[in-house]
Amino acid sequence: MSHATGIRYLKDGVLPHMWCPGCGIGIMMGAMLRAFEELGYTNRDTVVVTGIGCTGKLDDYLVTNALHTTHGRALAYATGIKAFNPKLNVVAVMGDGDSVTIGGNHFIHAARRNMDLTAIVINNFNYGMTGGQVSGTTPGGRFTSTTAWGNPERDFDICALAQVAGANYVARETPYRGWELKEAIKEGLGRKGFSLVEVFSPCPTHFGKNNEMKETRQMLHWLKEKALPAEEYNRLDKEAAEGFFPVGKLVDRHEPDFNARYEEIRQKAMAAKKG
């Protein structure tokens, strides 16, 4: 029995990758490429868009079409690609800074438009590449290089933001749940409209060091203990749910995507012109 490896989408000689030991980006990339293979994606019909930060290196490893863009603007470029050629499979891979801190405005509008693309967000709770500064997803009270006495701000819930903005599909997974992560990405890729897969993966080099996860195994144990399947999490009252987070599929709807609505309007306009 053969299993998808995703190796066909990787350049020769690029492994081992450059990400830190314990970082979830490599696990996410492997899950994404296996999902590509299981869906039968080709290098020609697939575009992976990245921005700046630790995730921004990912496009260097691929032989698919790839676009390395500016900080916080990956979804803006991905939106343009999908609007221009709806036949392409478009994936935007971002960190928490790229997606909702620097790129929050683009994130909201890509979800609102229900663009037919998939956003994969590695949420490592800080700006990992530039020294571990606080980001929009750093939990309140947690320590970073710029919040030495604790973060006074509340953090974004990326999945909740995607839901209220109009995403068709929203899921959250962790590097500890590798199989489930691949399945979530695969389901998101196959869904029409805006899909989000958030990957909870605390930065081991900065966030972990500052927040009692000084070794990778401590982070993985934390992910194992605190991640609850959404059905189980939703049965808990507010007090019992404190300190835990839901994983799995969180939003599942089938609203028309942007390109379908745009084509409908275009057809109406063409018919009116002929009349």
C-alpha atoms as a PDB file:
ATOM      1  CA  MET A   1       0.000   0.000   0.000  1.00  0.00           C
ATOM      2  CA  SER A   2       1.469   3.346  -1.038  1.00  0.00           C
ATOM      3  CA  HIS A   3       1.140   6.583   0.865  1.00  0.00           C
ATOM      4  CA  ALA A   4       1.423  10.169  -0.322  1.00  0.00           C
ATOM      5  CA  THR A   5       4.824  11.714   0.413  1.00  0.00           C
ATOM      6  CA  GLY A   6       4.544  15.070  -1.360  1.00  0.00           C
ATOM      7  CA  ILE A   7       8.125  14.709  -2.552  1.00  0.00           C
ATOM      8  CA  ARG A   8       7.173  15.485  -6.143  1.00  0.00           C
ATOM      9  CA  TYR A   9       6.543  19.118  -5.147  1.00  0.00           C
ATOM     10  CA  LEU A  10       9.986  19.633  -3.548  1.00  0.00           C
ATOM     11  CA  LYS A  11      13.152  20.812  -5.244  1.00  0.00           C
ATOM     12  CA  ASP A  12      16.010  18.327  -5.268  1.00  0.00           C
ATOM     13  CA  GLY A  13      18.558  18.716  -2.494  1.00  0.00           C
ATOM     14  CA  VAL A  14      16.643  21.183  -0.314  1.00  0.00           C
ATOM     15  CA  LEU A  15      16.304  18.960   2.750  1.00  0.00           C
ATOM     16  CA  PRO A  16      16.941  19.192   5.628  1.00  0.00           C
ATOM     17  CA  HIS A  17      15.017  22.453   5.898  1.00  0.00           C
ATOM     18  CA  MET A  18      16.200  25.602   7.664  1.00  0.00           C
ATOM     19  CA  TRP A  19      13.530  25.912  10.380  1.00  0.00           C
ATOM     20  CA  CYS A  20      14.453  25.554  14.046  1.00  0.00           C
ATOM     21  CA  PRO A  21      14.155  22.192  15.818  1.00  0.00           C
ATOM     22  CA  GLY A  22      10.634  21.970  17.201  1.00  0.00           C
ATOM     23  CA  CYS A  23       9.150  24.478  14.749  1.00  0.00           C
ATOM     24  CA  GLY A  24       5.874  23.333  13.220  1.00  0.00           C
ATOM     25  CA  ILE A  25       6.448  24.858   9.783  1.00  0.00           C
ATOM     26  CA  GLY A  26       8.211  21.775   8.425  1.00  0.00           C
ATOM     27  CA  ILE A  27       5.400  19.512   9.670  1.00  0.00           C
ATOM     28  CA  MET A  28       2.840  21.850   8.116  1.00  0.00           C
ATOM     29  CA  MET A  29       4.704  21.901   4.787  1.00  0.00           C
ATOM     30  CA  GLY A  30       4.801  18.110   4.719  1.00  0.00           C
ATOM     31  CA  ALA A  31       1.079  17.915   5.492  1.00  0.00           C
ATOM     32  CA  MET A  32       0.295  20.460   2.777  1.00  0.00           C
ATOM     33  CA  LEU A  33       2.327  18.645   0.123  1.00  0.00           C
ATOM     34  CA  ARG A  34       0.764  15.282   0.969  1.00  0.00           C
ATOM     35  CA  ALA A  35      -2.646  16.936   0.650  1.00  0.00           C
ATOM     36  CA  PHE A  36      -1.608  18.274  -2.785  1.00  0.00           C
ATOM     37  CA  GLU A  37      -0.669  14.761  -3.866  1.00  0.00           C
ATOM     38  CA  GLU A  38      -3.846  13.147  -2.586  1.00  0.00           C
ATOM     39  CA  LEU A  39      -5.911  15.759  -4.436  1.00  0.00           C
ATOM     40  CA  GLY A  40      -3.938  15.249  -7.648  1.00  0.00           C
ATOM     41  CA  TYR A  41      -2.604  18.797  -7.855  1.00  0.00           C
ATOM     42  CA  THR A  42       0.023  19.467 -10.506  1.00  0.00           C
ATOM     43  CA  ASN A  43       2.914  21.899 -10.280  1.00  0.00           C
ATOM     44  CA  ARG A  44       1.431  23.837 -13.167  1.00  0.00           C
ATOM     45  CA  ASP A  45      -2.040  24.429 -11.699  1.00  0.00           C
ATOM     46  CA  THR A  46      -0.900  25.227  -8.145  1.00  0.00           C
ATOM     47  CA  VAL A  47       0.337  28.555  -6.751  1.00  0.00           C
ATOM     48  CA  VAL A  48       1.778  28.921  -3.249  1.00  0.00           C
ATOM     49  CA  VAL A  49       1.987  32.526  -2.034  1.00  0.00           C
ATOM     50  CA  THR A  50       4.142  33.521   0.940  1.00  0.00           C
ATOM     51  CA  GLY A  51       4.981  36.758   2.691  1.00  0.00           C
ATOM     52  CA  ILE A  52       7.784  37.695   5.102  1.00  0.00           C
ATOM     53  CA  GLY A  53       8.817  35.891   8.252  1.00  0.00           C
ATOM     54  CA  CYS A  54       9.700  32.287   9.052  1.00  0.00           C
ATOM     55  CA  THR A  55       6.970  30.978   6.732  1.00  0.00           C
ATOM     56  CA  GLY A  56       8.272  33.197   3.929  1.00  0.00           C
ATOM     57  CA  LYS A  57      11.105  30.755   3.263  1.00  0.00           C
ATOM     58  CA  LEU A  58       8.675  27.989   2.292  1.00  0.00           C
ATOM     59  CA  ASP A  59       8.326  28.943  -1.381  1.00  0.00           C
ATOM     60  CA  ASP A  60      12.088  28.363  -1.869  1.00  0.00           C
ATOM     61  CA  TYR A  61      11.563  24.627  -1.352  1.00  0.00           C
ATOM     62  CA  LEU A  62       8.846  24.109  -3.961  1.00  0.00           C
ATOM     63  CA  VAL A  63       8.645  23.362  -7.669  1.00  0.00           C
ATOM     64  CA  THR A  64       5.024  24.495  -7.881  1.00  0.00           C
ATOM     65  CA  ASN A  65       4.295  28.020  -9.039  1.00  0.00           C
ATOM     66  CA  ALA A  66       5.261  30.238  -6.114  1.00  0.00           C
ATOM     67  CA  LEU A  67       5.184  33.927  -5.285  1.00  0.00           C
ATOM     68  CA  HIS A  68       7.202  35.500  -2.461  1.00  0.00           C
ATOM     69  CA  THR A  69       5.524  38.773  -1.516  1.00  0.00           C
ATOM     70  CA  THR A  70       5.816  41.634   0.976  1.00  0.00           C
ATOM     71  CA  HIS A  71       5.022  41.587   4.685  1.00  0.00           C
ATOM     72  CA  GLY A  72       1.310  41.249   5.390  1.00  0.00           C
ATOM     73  CA  ARG A  73       0.320  41.252   1.720  1.00  0.00           C
ATOM     74  CA  ALA A  74       0.275  37.555   0.821  1.00  0.00           C
ATOM     75  CA  LEU A  75      -3.530  37.435   0.733  1.00  0.00           C
ATOM     76  CA  ALA A  76      -3.738  40.543  -1.429  1.00  0.00           C
ATOM     77  CA  TYR A  77      -1.503  38.910  -4.056  1.00  0.00           C
ATOM     78  CA  ALA A  78      -3.328  35.586  -3.708  1.00  0.00           C
ATOM     79  CA  THR A  79      -6.655  37.363  -4.240  1.00  0.00           C
ATOM     80  CA  GLY A  80      -5.370  38.932  -7.462  1.00  0.00           C
ATOM     81  CA  ILE A  81      -4.094  35.592  -8.755  1.00  0.00           C
ATOM     82  CA  LYS A  82      -7.372  33.804  -8.106  1.00  0.00           C
ATOM     83  CA  ALA A  83      -9.480  36.626  -9.548  1.00  0.00           C
ATOM     84  CA  PHE A  84      -7.368  36.654 -12.731  1.00  0.00           C
ATOM     85  CA  ASN A  85      -7.296  32.866 -13.206  1.00  0.00           C
ATOM     86  CA  PRO A  86     -10.012  31.031 -11.215  1.00  0.00           C
ATOM     87  CA  LYS A  87      -8.765  27.653 -12.477  1.00  0.00           C
ATOM     88  CA  LEU A  88      -5.608  27.821 -10.353  1.00  0.00           C
ATOM     89  CA  ASN A  89      -5.335  26.218  -6.921  1.00  0.00           C
ATOM     90  CA  VAL A  90      -4.155  29.122  -4.764  1.00  0.00           C
ATOM     91  CA  VAL A  91      -2.690  28.684  -1.279  1.00  0.00           C
ATOM     92  CA  ALA A  92      -1.387  31.498   0.949  1.00  0.00           C
ATOM     93  CA  VAL A  93       1.011  30.338   3.683  1.00  0.00           C
ATOM     94  CA  MET A  94       1.550  32.908   6.437  1.00  0.00           C
ATOM     95  CA  GLY A  95       2.595  33.424  10.020  1.00  0.00           C
ATOM     96  CA  ASP A  96       0.474  35.195  12.604  1.00  0.00           C
ATOM     97  CA  GLY A  97       2.229  38.492  11.848  1.00  0.00           C
ATOM     98  CA  ASP A  98       1.747  38.197   8.093  1.00  0.00           C
ATOM     99  CA  SER A  99      -1.879  37.132   8.395  1.00  0.00           C
ATOM    100  CA  VAL A 100      -3.613  39.148  11.113  1.00  0.00           C
ATOM    101  CA  THR A 101      -1.114  41.551  12.712  1.00  0.00           C
ATOM    102  CA  ILE A 102       0.495  43.272   9.741  1.00  0.00           C
ATOM    103  CA  GLY A 103      -1.968  41.726   7.269  1.00  0.00           C
ATOM    104  CA  GLY A 104      -5.207  41.896   9.246  1.00  0.00           C
ATOM    105  CA  ASN A 105      -7.021  44.142   6.796  1.00  0.00           C
ATOM    106  CA  HIS A 106      -6.311  41.842   3.847  1.00  0.00           C
ATOM    107  CA  PHE A 107      -7.322  38.810   5.921  1.00  0.00           C
ATOM    108  CA  ILE A 108     -10.718  40.289   6.763  1.00  0.00           C
ATOM    109  CA  HIS A 109     -11.491  41.248   3.178  1.00  0.00           C
ATOM    110  CA  ALA A 110     -10.322  37.962   1.630  1.00  0.00           C
ATOM    111  CA  ALA A 111     -12.707  36.158   3.990  1.00  0.00           C
ATOM    112  CA  ARG A 112     -15.476  38.716   3.422  1.00  0.00           C
ATOM    113  CA  ARG A 113     -15.205  38.308  -0.346  1.00  0.00           C
ATOM    114  CA  ASN A 114     -15.132  34.538   0.153  1.00  0.00           C
ATOM    115  CA  MET A 115     -12.241  34.225  -2.289  1.00  0.00           C
ATOM    116  CA  ASP A 116     -11.776  30.644  -3.442  1.00  0.00           C
ATOM    117  CA  LEU A 117      -8.368  30.122  -1.883  1.00  0.00           C
ATOM    118  CA  THR A 118      -6.865  28.470   1.176  1.00  0.00           C
ATOM    119  CA  ALA A 119      -5.002  30.367   3.900  1.00  0.00           C
ATOM    120  CA  ILE A 120      -2.679  28.285   6.076  1.00  0.00           C
ATOM    121  CA  VAL A 121      -1.526  30.233   9.122  1.00  0.00           C
ATOM    122  CA  ILE A 122       1.254  29.077  11.444  1.00  0.00           C
ATOM    123  CA  ASN A 123       0.416  30.810  14.716  1.00  0.00           C
ATOM    124  CA  ASN A 124       3.642  30.812  16.723  1.00  0.00           C
ATOM    125  CA  PHE A 125       2.486  33.585  19.103  1.00  0.00           C
ATOM    126  CA  ASN A 126       5.268  36.056  18.297  1.00  0.00           C
ATOM    127  CA  TYR A 127       7.446  37.491  15.521  1.00  0.00           C
ATOM    128  CA  GLY A 128       9.822  34.558  15.421  1.00  0.00           C
ATOM    129  CA  MET A 129      12.238  35.579  12.676  1.00  0.00           C
ATOM    130  CA  THR A 130      13.076  39.038  14.009  1.00  0.00           C
ATOM    131  CA  GLY A 131      13.652  38.263  17.673  1.00  0.00           C
ATOM    132  CA  GLY A 132      10.421  37.123  19.293  1.00  0.00           C
ATOM    133  CA  GLN A 133       8.555  40.418  19.574  1.00  0.00           C
ATOM    134  CA  VAL A 134       4.918  40.546  20.662  1.00  0.00           C
ATOM    135  CA  SER A 135       2.326  39.999  17.910  1.00  0.00           C
ATOM    136  CA  GLY A 136      -1.437  40.249  17.608  1.00  0.00           C
ATOM    137  CA  THR A 137      -1.782  36.589  18.641  1.00  0.00           C
ATOM    138  CA  THR A 138       0.494  36.659  21.697  1.00  0.00           C
ATOM    139  CA  PRO A 139      -1.789  35.625  24.582  1.00  0.00           C
ATOM    140  CA  GLY A 140      -2.397  38.238  27.248  1.00  0.00           C
ATOM    141  CA  GLY A 141       0.086  38.082  30.123  1.00  0.00           C
ATOM    142  CA  ARG A 142       2.644  36.070  28.154  1.00  0.00           C
ATOM    143  CA  PHE A 143       6.276  37.102  27.807  1.00  0.00           C
ATOM    144  CA  THR A 144       8.122  38.122  24.659  1.00  0.00           C
ATOM    145  CA  SER A 145      11.251  40.122  23.898  1.00  0.00           C
ATOM    146  CA  THR A 146       9.156  43.304  23.881  1.00  0.00           C
ATOM    147  CA  THR A 147       6.803  42.416  26.770  1.00  0.00           C
ATOM    148  CA  ALA A 148       9.283  41.406  29.441  1.00  0.00           C
ATOM    149  CA  TRP A 149       6.687  41.882  32.204  1.00  0.00           C
ATOM    150  CA  GLY A 150       3.814  40.291  30.331  1.00  0.00           C
ATOM    151  CA  ASN A 151       1.653  41.243  27.358  1.00  0.00           C
ATOM    152  CA  PRO A 152      -1.000  43.801  28.410  1.00  0.00           C
ATOM    153  CA  GLU A 153      -3.066  43.262  25.241  1.00  0.00           C
ATOM    154  CA  ARG A 154      -5.654  40.658  24.362  1.00  0.00           C
ATOM    155  CA  ASP A 155      -4.878  38.316  21.472  1.00  0.00           C
ATOM    156  CA  PHE A 156      -6.719  37.692  18.216  1.00  0.00           C
ATOM    157  CA  ASP A 157      -8.632  34.440  17.828  1.00  0.00           C
ATOM    158  CA  ILE A 158      -7.776  33.902  14.154  1.00  0.00           C
ATOM    159  CA  CYS A 159     -10.446  31.260  13.610  1.00  0.00           C
ATOM    160  CA  ALA A 160     -13.195  33.393  15.162  1.00  0.00           C
ATOM    161  CA  LEU A 161     -12.081  36.331  13.019  1.00  0.00           C
ATOM    162  CA  ALA A 162     -12.320  34.218   9.862  1.00  0.00           C
ATOM    163  CA  GLN A 163     -15.745  32.944  10.877  1.00  0.00           C
ATOM    164  CA  VAL A 164     -17.339  36.335  11.490  1.00  0.00           C
ATOM    165  CA  ALA A 165     -15.709  37.765   8.345  1.00  0.00           C
ATOM    166  CA  GLY A 166     -17.421  35.110   6.203  1.00  0.00           C
ATOM    167  CA  ALA A 167     -15.053  32.182   5.591  1.00  0.00           C
ATOM    168  CA  ASN A 168     -16.664  29.021   4.249  1.00  0.00           C
ATOM    169  CA  TYR A 169     -14.290  26.650   6.025  1.00  0.00           C
ATOM    170  CA  VAL A 170     -12.287  27.098   9.236  1.00  0.00           C
ATOM    171  CA  ALA A 171     -10.166  24.520  11.034  1.00  0.00           C
ATOM    172  CA  ARG A 172      -7.453  24.541  13.679  1.00  0.00           C
ATOM    173  CA  GLU A 173      -4.799  21.877  14.194  1.00  0.00           C
ATOM    174  CA  THR A 174      -1.363  21.434  15.788  1.00  0.00           C
ATOM    175  CA  PRO A 175       1.953  19.827  14.768  1.00  0.00           C
ATOM    176  CA  TYR A 176       1.225  17.120  17.350  1.00  0.00           C
ATOM    177  CA  ARG A 177      -1.775  15.997  15.270  1.00  0.00           C
ATOM    178  CA  GLY A 178       0.029  15.521  11.947  1.00  0.00           C
ATOM    179  CA  TRP A 179      -2.538  13.255  10.284  1.00  0.00           C
ATOM    180  CA  GLU A 180      -5.446  15.476  11.290  1.00  0.00           C
ATOM    181  CA  LEU A 181      -3.501  18.513  10.049  1.00  0.00           C
ATOM    182  CA  LYS A 182      -3.093  16.944   6.616  1.00  0.00           C
ATOM    183  CA  GLU A 183      -6.788  16.063   6.508  1.00  0.00           C
ATOM    184  CA  ALA A 184      -7.820  19.608   7.512  1.00  0.00           C
ATOM    185  CA  ILE A 185      -5.627  21.140   4.802  1.00  0.00           C
ATOM    186  CA  LYS A 186      -6.967  18.660   2.261  1.00  0.00           C
ATOM    187  CA  GLU A 187     -10.574  19.461   3.170  1.00  0.00           C
ATOM    188  CA  GLY A 188      -9.883  23.193   3.074  1.00  0.00           C
ATOM    189  CA  LEU A 189      -8.256  22.927  -0.356  1.00  0.00           C
ATOM    190  CA  GLY A 190     -11.258  21.050  -1.661  1.00  0.00           C
ATOM    191  CA  ARG A 191     -13.791  23.581  -0.398  1.00  0.00           C
ATOM    192  CA  LYS A 192     -15.069  26.385  -2.621  1.00  0.00           C
ATOM    193  CA  GLY A 193     -14.691  29.802  -1.045  1.00  0.00           C
ATOM    194  CA  PHE A 194     -12.275  31.102   1.591  1.00  0.00           C
ATOM    195  CA  SER A 195     -10.749  28.364   3.736  1.00  0.00           C
ATOM    196  CA  LEU A 196      -8.565  28.866   6.800  1.00  0.00           C
ATOM    197  CA  VAL A 197      -6.412  26.254   8.493  1.00  0.00           C
ATOM    198  CA  GLU A 198      -4.724  27.673  11.582  1.00  0.00           C
ATOM    199  CA  VAL A 199      -1.793  25.711  13.009  1.00  0.00           C
ATOM    200  CA  PHE A 200      -1.142  26.333  16.717  1.00  0.00           C
ATOM    201  CA  SER A 201       2.647  26.003  16.933  1.00  0.00           C
ATOM    202  CA  PRO A 202       4.388  28.090  19.630  1.00  0.00           C
ATOM    203  CA  CYS A 203       7.810  29.321  18.500  1.00  0.00           C
ATOM    204  CA  PRO A 204      10.340  27.062  20.306  1.00  0.00           C
ATOM    205  CA  THR A 205      13.233  29.489  19.911  1.00  0.00           C
ATOM    206  CA  HIS A 206      11.627  32.585  21.442  1.00  0.00           C
ATOM    207  CA  PHE A 207       8.105  32.086  22.795  1.00  0.00           C
ATOM    208  CA  GLY A 208       8.862  28.712  24.326  1.00  0.00           C
ATOM    209  CA  LYS A 209      12.064  29.945  25.956  1.00  0.00           C
ATOM    210  CA  ASN A 210      10.202  32.851  27.563  1.00  0.00           C
ATOM    211  CA  ASN A 211       7.096  30.901  28.574  1.00  0.00           C
ATOM    212  CA  GLU A 212       8.070  27.646  30.292  1.00  0.00           C
ATOM    213  CA  MET A 213       8.380  25.585  27.099  1.00  0.00           C
ATOM    214  CA  LYS A 214      12.162  25.542  26.976  1.00  0.00           C
ATOM    215  CA  GLU A 215      12.306  22.174  25.205  1.00  0.00           C
ATOM    216  CA  THR A 216      10.347  20.900  22.225  1.00  0.00           C
ATOM    217  CA  ARG A 217       8.859  17.990  24.143  1.00  0.00           C
ATOM    218  CA  GLN A 218       7.355  20.431  26.655  1.00  0.00           C
ATOM    219  CA  MET A 219       5.628  22.278  23.818  1.00  0.00           C
ATOM    220  CA  LEU A 220       4.328  19.040  22.303  1.00  0.00           C
ATOM    221  CA  HIS A 221       3.030  17.880  25.680  1.00  0.00           C
ATOM    222  CA  TRP A 222       1.285  21.233  26.093  1.00  0.00           C
ATOM    223  CA  LEU A 223      -0.315  20.904  22.643  1.00  0.00           C
ATOM    224  CA  LYS A 224      -1.432  17.359  23.425  1.00  0.00           C
ATOM    225  CA  GLU A 225      -2.959  18.314  26.781  1.00  0.00           C
ATOM    226  CA  LYS A 226      -4.602  21.616  25.835  1.00  0.00           C
ATOM    227  CA  ALA A 227      -6.033  20.800  22.379  1.00  0.00           C
ATOM    228  CA  LEU A 228      -9.541  19.368  22.614  1.00  0.00           C
ATOM    229  CA  PRO A 229     -11.680  18.166  19.688  1.00  0.00           C
ATOM    230  CA  ALA A 230     -14.216  20.898  18.941  1.00  0.00           C
ATOM    231  CA  GLU A 231     -17.193  18.717  19.928  1.00  0.00           C
ATOM    232  CA  GLU A 232     -15.660  18.026  23.336  1.00  0.00           C
ATOM    233  CA  TYR A 233     -14.584  21.646  23.850  1.00  0.00           C
ATOM    234  CA  ASN A 234     -18.058  22.972  23.012  1.00  0.00           C
ATOM    235  CA  ARG A 235     -19.632  20.830  25.750  1.00  0.00           C
ATOM    236  CA  LEU A 236     -17.587  22.573  28.448  1.00  0.00           C
ATOM    237  CA  ASP A 237     -18.791  25.611  30.340  1.00  0.00           C
ATOM    238  CA  LYS A 238     -16.670  28.753  30.270  1.00  0.00           C
ATOM    239  CA  GLU A 239     -14.847  28.004  33.506  1.00  0.00           C
ATOM    240  CA  ALA A 240     -14.001  24.411  32.579  1.00  0.00           C
ATOM    241  CA  ALA A 241     -12.794  25.471  29.095  1.00  0.00           C
ATOM    242  CA  GLU A 242     -10.276  27.965  30.520  1.00  0.00           C
ATOM    243  CA  GLY A 243      -6.780  27.140  29.320  1.00  0.00           C
ATOM    244  CA  PHE A 244      -7.891  24.766  26.559  1.00  0.00           C
ATOM    245  CA  PHE A 245      -8.536  25.392  22.848  1.00  0.00           C
ATOM    246  CA  PRO A 246     -10.649  23.598  20.230  1.00  0.00           C
ATOM    247  CA  VAL A 247      -9.126  21.751  17.272  1.00  0.00           C
ATOM    248  CA  GLY A 248     -10.685  20.178  14.212  1.00  0.00           C
ATOM    249  CA  LYS A 249     -13.319  21.655  11.920  1.00  0.00           C
ATOM    250  CA  LEU A 250     -14.852  24.815  13.410  1.00  0.00           C
ATOM    251  CA  VAL A 251     -16.807  26.282  10.460  1.00  0.00           C
ATOM    252  CA  ASP A 252     -18.367  24.383   7.559  1.00  0.00           C
ATOM    253  CA  ARG A 253     -20.653  26.246   5.159  1.00  0.00           C
ATOM    254  CA  HIS A 254     -21.214  26.466   1.426  1.00  0.00           C
ATOM    255  CA  GLU A 255     -21.851  30.090   0.482  1.00  0.00           C
ATOM    256  CA  PRO A 256     -21.068  31.053  -3.161  1.00  0.00           C
ATOM    257  CA  ASP A 257     -17.466  32.128  -3.643  1.00  0.00           C
ATOM    258  CA  PHE A 258     -16.347  35.439  -5.169  1.00  0.00           C
ATOM    259  CA  ASN A 259     -15.628  34.115  -8.655  1.00  0.00           C
ATOM    260  CA  ALA A 260     -19.051  32.437  -8.902  1.00  0.00           C
ATOM    261  CA  ARG A 261     -20.834  35.639  -7.870  1.00  0.00           C
ATOM    262  CA  TYR A 262     -18.649  37.751 -10.173  1.00  0.00           C
ATOM    263  CA  GLU A 263     -19.416  35.483 -13.149  1.00  0.00           C
ATOM    264  CA  GLU A 264     -23.149  35.685 -12.433  1.00  0.00           C
ATOM    265  CA  ILE A 265     -23.004  39.483 -12.460  1.00  0.00           C
ATOM    266  CA  ARG A 266     -20.864  39.475 -15.603  1.00  0.00           C
ATOM    267  CA  GLN A 267     -23.394  37.303 -17.410  1.00  0.00           C
ATOM    268  CA  LYS A 268     -26.209  39.656 -16.422  1.00  0.00           C
ATOM    269  CA  ALA A 269     -24.217  42.625 -17.682  1.00  0.00           C
ATOM    270  CA  MET A 270     -23.464  40.911 -21.013  1.00  0.00           C
ATOM    271  CA  ALA A 271     -27.136  39.974 -21.471  1.00  0.00           C
ATOM    272  CA  ALA A 272     -28.209  43.552 -20.762  1.00  0.00           C
ATOM    273  CA  LYS A 273     -25.676  44.862 -23.270  1.00  0.00           C
ATOM    274  CA  LYS A 274     -26.982  42.537 -25.984  1.00  0.00           C
ATOM    275  CA  GLY A 275     -30.561  43.552 -25.194  1.00  0.00           C
END
